[in-house]
Amino acid sequence: MLISNNSYEAPQSFILNGIPGLEAVHIWISLPLCTMYIISLVGNLGLVYLIYYEESLHRPMYFFLAMLSLIDLFTCTTTLPNALFIFWFKLKEINFTACLVQMFFVHGFTGVESGVLMLMALDRYVAICYPLRYATILTNPVIAKAGLATFLRGVLLMIPFPFLVKRLPFCRSNVISHTYCDHMSVVKLSCASIKINVIYGLMVALLIGVYDICCISVSYTMILRAVVSLSSADAQQKAFSTCTAHISAIIITYVPAFFTFFTHRFGGHTIPPSLHIIVANLYLLLPPTLNPIVYGMKTKQIRDSIIKFFHDEKGSR
């Protein structure tokens, strides 16, 4: 890897070491991860198809839910098959360029997912606070533009990450203690200053994570005020029940995300690496696995559409 006393070339590949310290139980760890991955594939593909199939679900709330399901599918598929190959077949080597591509997609998709959750909060705000204007405010063109803007924000902000990594010299080990190429896990192998990478990572976290959470918080503050002002307790319960599935999705997504983000930067010496890597994998796998289940259980229209779909399928035979 060394070229001269002051210059280093990028490694041809990295070694993804899985979960260090738990190599003996990799096969057992893979079983629940594989099960969750299968559930996420079936659940999200089924949810997207149901929204496409059932005309009663052709509404802004469900269009945003379909976006969330697609992003969840792409996110877990970017990392989980690779992790399973490590656990099952010991295929730990990943090409340097492939590592950068995986890094881009992992962070890009998670950034887009955060934006979609924000759009869903705004959707609930309009539905509850301006119910009579809901259909005129959230038209199909508006939904398409909002989805495109969210996607472009996530992609454009993540483009610099691979280039910031590529400029770094790597003169240490090429072994990454992780199951996928995470930005901070890769740059920590560099023998140069990673200050620019850290600063840009914090900037992106502010522009995406903090901004989205602020928008979600403001939306739900306004929603709470509107719900409390309703005279009927039944009306209050009905209005707020439309938000419970989305609130669950927010908790499922952001709690492990913040744990992963802060432990990478501030808790590296106090949090066991194995715990950090397990939570990092759950951060990418829990939302795709649980979101279809939560929305299926908490949303009456989806439950009714599932029953109607199977009833129509049975009747057509």
Protein backbone atom coordinates (compact mmCIF):
# COMPACT_ATOMS: atom_id res chain seq x y z
CA MET A 1 0.00 0.00 0.00
CA LEU A 2 2.92 2.32 0.64
CA ILE A 3 4.24 4.30 -2.38
CA SER A 4 6.68 6.71 -0.77
CA ASN A 5 7.47 8.18 2.62
CA ASN A 6 4.66 10.74 2.31
CA SER A 7 2.10 9.24 -0.05
CA TYR A 8 -0.22 6.22 0.17
CA GLU A 9 -2.55 4.66 -2.34
CA ALA A 10 -6.07 3.61 -1.48
CA PRO A 11 -6.45 -0.07 -0.55
CA GLN A 12 -7.83 -2.31 -3.27
CA SER A 13 -10.30 -3.77 -0.82
CA PHE A 14 -11.48 -3.76 2.78
CA ILE A 15 -12.24 -6.68 5.07
CA LEU A 16 -15.62 -6.44 6.79
CA ASN A 17 -15.07 -8.30 10.03
CA GLY A 18 -18.72 -8.70 11.04
CA ILE A 19 -19.27 -8.33 14.78
CA PRO A 20 -15.91 -8.56 16.56
CA GLY A 21 -15.93 -10.67 19.69
CA LEU A 22 -19.05 -12.56 18.62
CA GLU A 23 -17.60 -14.53 15.70
CA ALA A 24 -18.52 -17.83 17.38
CA VAL A 25 -22.23 -16.96 17.32
CA HIS A 26 -22.38 -15.24 13.93
CA ILE A 27 -24.56 -18.01 12.57
CA TRP A 28 -27.06 -17.61 15.42
CA ILE A 29 -27.11 -13.82 15.05
CA SER A 30 -27.82 -14.26 11.34
CA LEU A 31 -31.03 -16.22 11.93
CA PRO A 32 -33.14 -13.40 13.45
CA LEU A 33 -31.59 -10.91 11.01
CA CYS A 34 -32.51 -13.11 8.05
CA THR A 35 -36.03 -13.62 9.42
CA MET A 36 -36.48 -9.87 9.84
CA TYR A 37 -35.18 -9.27 6.34
CA ILE A 38 -37.67 -11.71 4.82
CA ILE A 39 -40.51 -10.11 6.83
CA SER A 40 -39.42 -6.67 5.62
CA LEU A 41 -39.38 -7.80 1.98
CA VAL A 42 -42.81 -9.42 2.16
CA GLY A 43 -44.35 -6.66 4.29
CA ASN A 44 -43.13 -3.67 2.31
CA LEU A 45 -43.67 -5.19 -1.15
CA GLY A 46 -47.15 -6.25 -0.03
CA LEU A 47 -47.90 -2.78 1.32
CA VAL A 48 -46.75 -1.03 -1.87
CA TYR A 49 -48.81 -3.41 -4.01
CA LEU A 50 -51.87 -2.96 -1.76
CA ILE A 51 -51.66 0.84 -2.06
CA TYR A 52 -51.34 0.49 -5.85
CA TYR A 53 -54.18 -2.05 -6.08
CA GLU A 54 -56.75 -0.48 -3.74
CA GLU A 55 -58.25 2.79 -5.03
CA SER A 56 -59.45 3.80 -1.56
CA LEU A 57 -55.77 4.09 -0.55
CA HIS A 58 -54.96 6.52 -3.37
CA ARG A 59 -54.57 9.38 -0.91
CA PRO A 60 -51.57 11.51 0.14
CA MET A 61 -51.04 9.67 3.44
CA TYR A 62 -50.72 6.32 1.68
CA PHE A 63 -48.61 7.68 -1.18
CA PHE A 64 -46.11 8.86 1.42
CA LEU A 65 -46.35 5.46 3.12
CA ALA A 66 -45.55 3.77 -0.20
CA MET A 67 -42.49 6.03 -0.55
CA LEU A 68 -41.40 5.04 2.96
CA SER A 69 -41.82 1.34 2.18
CA LEU A 70 -39.74 1.58 -1.00
CA ILE A 71 -36.96 3.46 0.79
CA ASP A 72 -37.01 0.89 3.61
CA LEU A 73 -36.69 -1.91 1.05
CA PHE A 74 -33.69 -0.29 -0.65
CA THR A 75 -32.02 0.53 2.67
CA CYS A 76 -32.06 -2.97 4.16
CA THR A 77 -31.23 -4.60 0.81
CA THR A 78 -28.12 -2.43 0.56
CA THR A 79 -26.63 -3.97 3.72
CA LEU A 80 -28.35 -7.14 4.96
CA PRO A 81 -27.43 -9.56 2.13
CA ASN A 82 -23.80 -8.49 2.56
CA ALA A 83 -23.99 -9.12 6.31
CA LEU A 84 -25.52 -12.56 5.77
CA PHE A 85 -22.73 -13.49 3.33
CA ILE A 86 -20.24 -12.58 6.07
CA PHE A 87 -22.05 -14.64 8.72
CA TRP A 88 -22.75 -17.67 6.52
CA PHE A 89 -19.91 -17.93 4.03
CA LYS A 90 -17.13 -15.81 5.57
CA LEU A 91 -17.15 -13.60 2.45
CA LYS A 92 -15.65 -10.58 4.16
CA GLU A 93 -13.74 -8.85 1.37
CA ILE A 94 -15.29 -5.85 -0.37
CA ASN A 95 -13.76 -3.83 -3.18
CA PHE A 96 -12.75 -0.26 -2.26
CA THR A 97 -15.07 1.27 -4.88
CA ALA A 98 -17.92 -1.06 -3.90
CA CYS A 99 -17.41 0.01 -0.30
CA LEU A 100 -17.78 3.68 -1.25
CA VAL A 101 -20.90 2.91 -3.30
CA GLN A 102 -22.45 1.01 -0.40
CA MET A 103 -21.60 3.88 1.95
CA PHE A 104 -23.29 6.37 -0.37
CA PHE A 105 -26.48 4.32 -0.68
CA VAL A 106 -26.71 3.54 3.04
CA HIS A 107 -26.44 7.17 4.10
CA GLY A 108 -28.42 8.42 1.10
CA PHE A 109 -31.40 6.15 1.73
CA THR A 110 -31.46 6.88 5.46
CA GLY A 111 -31.42 10.60 4.69
CA VAL A 112 -34.35 10.20 2.29
CA GLU A 113 -36.22 8.10 4.86
CA SER A 114 -35.92 10.89 7.42
CA GLY A 115 -37.33 13.34 4.88
CA VAL A 116 -40.29 11.08 4.09
CA LEU A 117 -41.11 10.82 7.81
CA MET A 118 -41.11 14.63 7.92
CA LEU A 119 -43.48 14.78 4.92
CA MET A 120 -45.79 12.30 6.63
CA ALA A 121 -45.88 14.53 9.74
CA LEU A 122 -46.78 17.53 7.57
CA ASP A 123 -49.48 15.42 5.92
CA ARG A 124 -51.03 14.65 9.32
CA TYR A 125 -50.78 18.33 10.27
CA VAL A 126 -52.74 19.41 7.16
CA ALA A 127 -55.27 16.57 7.58
CA ILE A 128 -56.09 17.47 11.18
CA CYS A 129 -55.64 21.25 11.23
CA TYR A 130 -57.05 21.97 7.73
CA PRO A 131 -59.34 19.02 6.95
CA LEU A 132 -61.56 20.93 4.50
CA ARG A 133 -58.55 22.07 2.46
CA TYR A 134 -56.65 18.78 2.65
CA ALA A 135 -57.44 17.64 -0.90
CA THR A 136 -56.66 21.05 -2.41
CA ILE A 137 -53.37 21.52 -0.54
CA LEU A 138 -51.90 18.03 -0.99
CA THR A 139 -52.57 17.45 -4.67
CA ASN A 140 -50.74 14.77 -6.66
CA PRO A 141 -48.32 17.31 -8.22
CA VAL A 142 -47.49 18.67 -4.76
CA ILE A 143 -46.86 15.15 -3.45
CA ALA A 144 -44.63 14.33 -6.43
CA LYS A 145 -42.62 17.55 -6.04
CA ALA A 146 -42.24 17.04 -2.28
CA GLY A 147 -41.07 13.45 -2.79
CA LEU A 148 -38.61 14.49 -5.51
CA ALA A 149 -37.22 17.35 -3.38
CA THR A 150 -36.74 14.98 -0.43
CA PHE A 151 -34.98 12.44 -2.63
CA LEU A 152 -32.67 15.05 -4.20
CA ARG A 153 -31.80 16.52 -0.80
CA GLY A 154 -30.77 13.11 0.54
CA VAL A 155 -28.76 12.22 -2.57
CA LEU A 156 -27.01 15.56 -3.14
CA LEU A 157 -25.93 15.94 0.48
CA MET A 158 -24.45 12.42 0.46
CA ILE A 159 -22.47 12.75 -2.79
CA PRO A 160 -19.43 14.39 -1.08
CA PHE A 161 -18.97 11.46 1.36
CA PRO A 162 -17.30 9.03 -1.09
CA PHE A 163 -15.03 11.79 -2.42
CA LEU A 164 -14.04 12.88 1.10
CA VAL A 165 -13.11 9.28 1.86
CA LYS A 166 -11.30 8.74 -1.45
CA ARG A 167 -8.93 11.66 -0.80
CA LEU A 168 -7.73 10.12 2.49
CA PRO A 169 -4.51 8.10 2.74
CA PHE A 170 -4.92 4.61 4.21
CA CYS A 171 -1.74 3.25 5.75
CA ARG A 172 -3.21 1.25 8.61
CA SER A 173 -5.19 -1.98 8.67
CA ASN A 174 -7.85 -2.45 6.01
CA VAL A 175 -10.08 -4.41 8.43
CA ILE A 176 -13.40 -2.72 9.20
CA SER A 177 -15.06 -3.92 12.38
CA HIS A 178 -18.55 -3.78 10.94
CA THR A 179 -20.96 -5.66 8.67
CA TYR A 180 -21.17 -2.85 6.09
CA CYS A 181 -19.22 0.22 4.99
CA ASP A 182 -20.29 2.96 7.36
CA HIS A 183 -18.67 6.37 6.82
CA MET A 184 -17.09 6.75 10.25
CA SER A 185 -15.96 3.11 10.41
CA VAL A 186 -14.05 3.58 7.14
CA VAL A 187 -12.46 6.97 7.82
CA LYS A 188 -11.15 5.82 11.20
CA LEU A 189 -8.75 3.56 9.28
CA SER A 190 -7.07 6.59 7.70
CA CYS A 191 -3.67 7.78 8.90
CA ALA A 192 -4.51 11.42 8.12
CA SER A 193 -6.75 13.96 9.84
CA ILE A 194 -10.43 13.18 9.41
CA LYS A 195 -11.59 16.53 10.76
CA ILE A 196 -13.23 17.56 7.47
CA ASN A 197 -15.14 14.27 7.31
CA VAL A 198 -16.38 14.67 10.88
CA ILE A 199 -17.41 18.30 10.36
CA TYR A 200 -19.25 17.54 7.13
CA GLY A 201 -20.97 14.56 8.77
CA LEU A 202 -22.21 16.83 11.56
CA MET A 203 -23.40 19.40 9.01
CA VAL A 204 -25.39 16.76 7.16
CA ALA A 205 -26.86 15.52 10.43
CA LEU A 206 -28.01 19.08 11.19
CA LEU A 207 -29.38 19.71 7.69
CA ILE A 208 -31.29 16.44 7.59
CA GLY A 209 -31.84 14.88 11.01
CA VAL A 210 -32.19 17.97 13.20
CA TYR A 211 -34.18 19.92 10.59
CA ASP A 212 -36.60 17.03 10.04
CA ILE A 213 -37.07 16.45 13.75
CA CYS A 214 -37.77 20.15 14.29
CA CYS A 215 -40.41 20.07 11.52
CA ILE A 216 -41.94 16.90 12.96
CA SER A 217 -41.99 18.43 16.47
CA VAL A 218 -43.64 21.65 15.27
CA SER A 219 -46.20 19.65 13.26
CA TYR A 220 -47.18 17.52 16.24
CA THR A 221 -47.30 20.53 18.55
CA MET A 222 -49.85 22.12 16.22
CA ILE A 223 -51.69 18.80 15.90
CA LEU A 224 -51.87 18.45 19.70
CA ARG A 225 -53.28 21.97 20.03
CA ALA A 226 -55.89 21.24 17.38
CA VAL A 227 -56.89 17.92 18.95
CA VAL A 228 -57.17 19.37 22.46
CA SER A 229 -59.44 22.12 21.14
CA LEU A 230 -61.98 19.57 19.88
CA SER A 231 -65.08 19.46 22.07
CA SER A 232 -65.79 15.73 21.81
CA ALA A 233 -63.55 13.15 23.47
CA ASP A 234 -64.40 10.69 20.70
CA ALA A 235 -63.36 13.23 18.08
CA GLN A 236 -60.10 13.81 19.95
CA GLN A 237 -59.36 10.10 20.08
CA LYS A 238 -60.27 9.59 16.41
CA ALA A 239 -58.11 12.52 15.28
CA PHE A 240 -55.06 11.48 17.27
CA SER A 241 -55.43 7.77 16.41
CA THR A 242 -54.58 8.64 12.80
CA CYS A 243 -51.12 9.68 14.03
CA THR A 244 -50.22 6.72 16.25
CA ALA A 245 -48.74 4.59 13.46
CA HIS A 246 -46.59 7.49 12.27
CA ILE A 247 -45.42 8.28 15.82
CA SER A 248 -44.41 4.62 16.20
CA ALA A 249 -42.47 4.81 12.90
CA ILE A 250 -40.64 7.92 14.14
CA ILE A 251 -39.60 6.21 17.39
CA ILE A 252 -38.53 3.03 15.59
CA THR A 253 -36.37 5.04 13.18
CA TYR A 254 -34.83 7.82 15.24
CA VAL A 255 -33.99 6.10 18.55
CA PRO A 256 -31.44 3.61 17.10
CA ALA A 257 -30.31 6.28 14.59
CA PHE A 258 -29.32 8.70 17.35
CA PHE A 259 -27.68 5.92 19.35
CA THR A 260 -25.56 4.97 16.34
CA PHE A 261 -24.69 8.57 15.47
CA PHE A 262 -23.60 9.66 18.95
CA THR A 263 -21.75 6.49 19.94
CA HIS A 264 -19.67 6.69 16.75
CA ARG A 265 -18.52 10.20 17.61
CA PHE A 266 -18.66 10.51 21.40
CA GLY A 267 -18.98 7.03 22.93
CA GLY A 268 -16.37 5.01 21.13
CA HIS A 269 -14.45 4.11 24.31
CA THR A 270 -17.44 3.40 26.57
CA ILE A 271 -19.83 1.45 24.29
CA PRO A 272 -18.75 -2.13 23.41
CA PRO A 273 -18.10 -2.35 19.64
CA SER A 274 -20.31 -5.43 19.35
CA LEU A 275 -23.29 -3.55 20.84
CA HIS A 276 -22.71 -0.61 18.54
CA ILE A 277 -22.63 -2.82 15.43
CA ILE A 278 -25.74 -4.78 16.46
CA VAL A 279 -27.67 -1.53 17.01
CA ALA A 280 -26.35 -0.15 13.70
CA ASN A 281 -27.78 -3.19 11.91
CA LEU A 282 -31.08 -2.93 13.78
CA TYR A 283 -31.20 0.76 12.85
CA LEU A 284 -31.34 -0.26 9.19
CA LEU A 285 -33.54 -3.33 9.69
CA LEU A 286 -36.08 -2.47 12.40
CA PRO A 287 -38.02 0.20 10.45
CA PRO A 288 -38.45 -1.95 7.31
CA THR A 289 -39.56 -4.89 9.47
CA LEU A 290 -41.90 -3.12 11.87
CA ASN A 291 -43.40 -0.28 9.82
CA PRO A 292 -45.68 -2.51 7.67
CA ILE A 293 -46.80 -4.38 10.80
CA VAL A 294 -47.47 -1.18 12.75
CA TYR A 295 -49.39 0.46 9.89
CA GLY A 296 -51.31 -2.75 9.26
CA MET A 297 -52.36 -2.96 12.91
CA LYS A 298 -52.97 0.73 13.60
CA THR A 299 -54.58 1.88 10.33
CA LYS A 300 -58.18 0.77 9.82
CA GLN A 301 -58.20 1.58 6.09
CA ILE A 302 -55.21 -0.71 5.49
CA ARG A 303 -56.74 -3.52 7.56
CA ASP A 304 -60.00 -3.22 5.63
CA SER A 305 -58.13 -3.13 2.31
CA ILE A 306 -56.19 -6.30 3.21
CA ILE A 307 -59.44 -8.12 4.05
CA LYS A 308 -61.05 -6.84 0.84
CA PHE A 309 -58.00 -7.87 -1.23
CA PHE A 310 -58.02 -11.46 0.04
CA HIS A 311 -61.79 -11.63 -0.25
CA ASP A 312 -61.60 -10.53 -3.90
CA GLU A 313 -58.80 -13.02 -4.56
CA LYS A 314 -60.84 -15.82 -3.00
CA GLY A 315 -63.93 -14.82 -4.95
CA SER A 316 -62.09 -14.83 -8.26
CA ARG A 317 -61.09 -18.50 -7.90
